[in-house]
């Protein structure tokens, strides 16, 4: 089976384009994935500007802490998003 290369963070960044009402360019996105917390300006596919980032996963940890306070399972991000 052939392999297709996909940039992990770009996949997260462009996932909102799959929504029934996708955002229009430009938009600002908060990427929270694993050890990454980045604020990005998205001008188009392949056209991104890093606006800021943390040196840890502070935003992701915040989702996990909120989920814990609400009695939800780990990892908290997907559970909080569903709520």
Protein backbone atom coordinates (compact mmCIF):
# COMPACT_ATOMS: atom_id res chain seq x y z
CA UNK A 1 0.00 0.00 0.00
CA UNK A 2 1.50 3.41 -0.91
CA UNK A 3 2.32 5.91 1.81
CA UNK A 4 1.16 9.51 1.66
CA UNK A 5 3.17 12.09 3.56
CA UNK A 6 1.07 14.40 5.72
CA UNK A 7 2.39 17.24 7.88
CA UNK A 8 0.89 16.53 11.31
CA UNK A 9 0.48 20.14 12.44
CA UNK A 10 -0.77 21.31 9.03
CA UNK A 11 -3.45 18.63 9.25
CA UNK A 12 -4.68 20.11 12.52
CA UNK A 13 -4.39 23.63 11.13
CA UNK A 14 -6.54 22.91 8.07
CA UNK A 15 -9.08 20.57 9.71
CA UNK A 16 -11.63 23.42 10.11
CA UNK A 17 -11.85 23.56 6.30
CA UNK A 18 -13.71 20.24 6.47
CA UNK A 19 -16.57 21.80 8.47
CA UNK A 20 -19.91 22.49 6.74
CA UNK A 21 -19.21 26.23 7.18
CA UNK A 22 -15.41 26.52 6.94
CA UNK A 23 -13.65 29.73 7.95
CA UNK A 24 -12.65 32.18 5.24
CA UNK A 25 -9.01 33.15 4.76
CA UNK A 26 -7.35 34.76 6.56
CA UNK A 27 -8.10 33.28 9.97
CA UNK A 28 -6.23 32.76 13.22
CA UNK A 29 -5.86 29.25 14.62
CA UNK A 30 -4.77 27.90 17.98
CA UNK A 31 -2.88 24.63 17.50
CA UNK A 32 -2.78 22.39 20.56
CA UNK A 33 -1.29 18.98 19.85
CA UNK A 34 1.03 16.97 22.05
CA UNK A 35 3.89 19.26 23.02
CA UNK A 36 2.81 22.09 20.71
CA UNK A 37 0.84 25.22 21.53
CA UNK A 38 0.99 27.68 18.63
CA UNK A 39 -1.05 30.65 17.48
CA UNK A 40 -0.99 30.82 13.68
CA UNK A 41 -2.28 33.23 11.04
CA UNK A 42 -3.58 31.26 8.06
CA UNK A 43 -3.61 33.27 4.82
CA UNK A 44 -4.24 30.24 2.57
CA UNK A 45 -3.18 26.64 2.12
CA UNK A 46 0.58 26.56 2.59
CA UNK A 47 0.64 30.22 3.69
CA UNK A 48 1.02 30.42 7.47
CA UNK A 49 2.65 32.79 9.92
CA UNK A 50 3.57 31.86 13.47
CA UNK A 51 2.19 34.58 15.76
CA UNK A 52 3.32 33.02 19.03
CA UNK A 53 4.00 29.76 20.81
CA UNK A 54 4.66 28.34 24.23
CA UNK A 55 7.62 26.20 25.19
CA UNK A 56 5.29 23.52 26.54
CA UNK A 57 1.76 22.24 26.09
CA UNK A 58 0.15 24.82 28.38
CA UNK A 59 -3.11 25.09 26.42
CA UNK A 60 -3.48 21.31 26.14
CA UNK A 61 -2.81 20.91 29.84
CA UNK A 62 -5.54 23.47 30.56
CA UNK A 63 -8.05 21.34 28.63
CA UNK A 64 -6.95 18.27 30.62
CA UNK A 65 -7.36 20.13 33.93
CA UNK A 66 -10.82 21.42 33.00
CA UNK A 67 -11.86 17.90 31.98
CA UNK A 68 -10.60 16.53 35.30
CA UNK A 69 -12.64 19.15 37.21
CA UNK A 70 -15.69 18.11 35.19
CA UNK A 71 -15.08 14.43 35.92
CA UNK A 72 -14.24 13.60 32.30
CA UNK A 73 -11.69 11.06 31.09
CA UNK A 74 -8.11 11.81 29.96
CA UNK A 75 -7.18 13.24 27.49
CA UNK A 76 -9.48 16.14 28.20
CA UNK A 77 -9.34 18.07 24.91
CA UNK A 78 -11.63 15.83 22.84
CA UNK A 79 -14.06 15.41 25.75
CA UNK A 80 -14.30 19.16 26.42
CA UNK A 81 -14.70 19.84 22.68
CA UNK A 82 -17.64 17.42 22.49
CA UNK A 83 -19.37 19.29 25.32
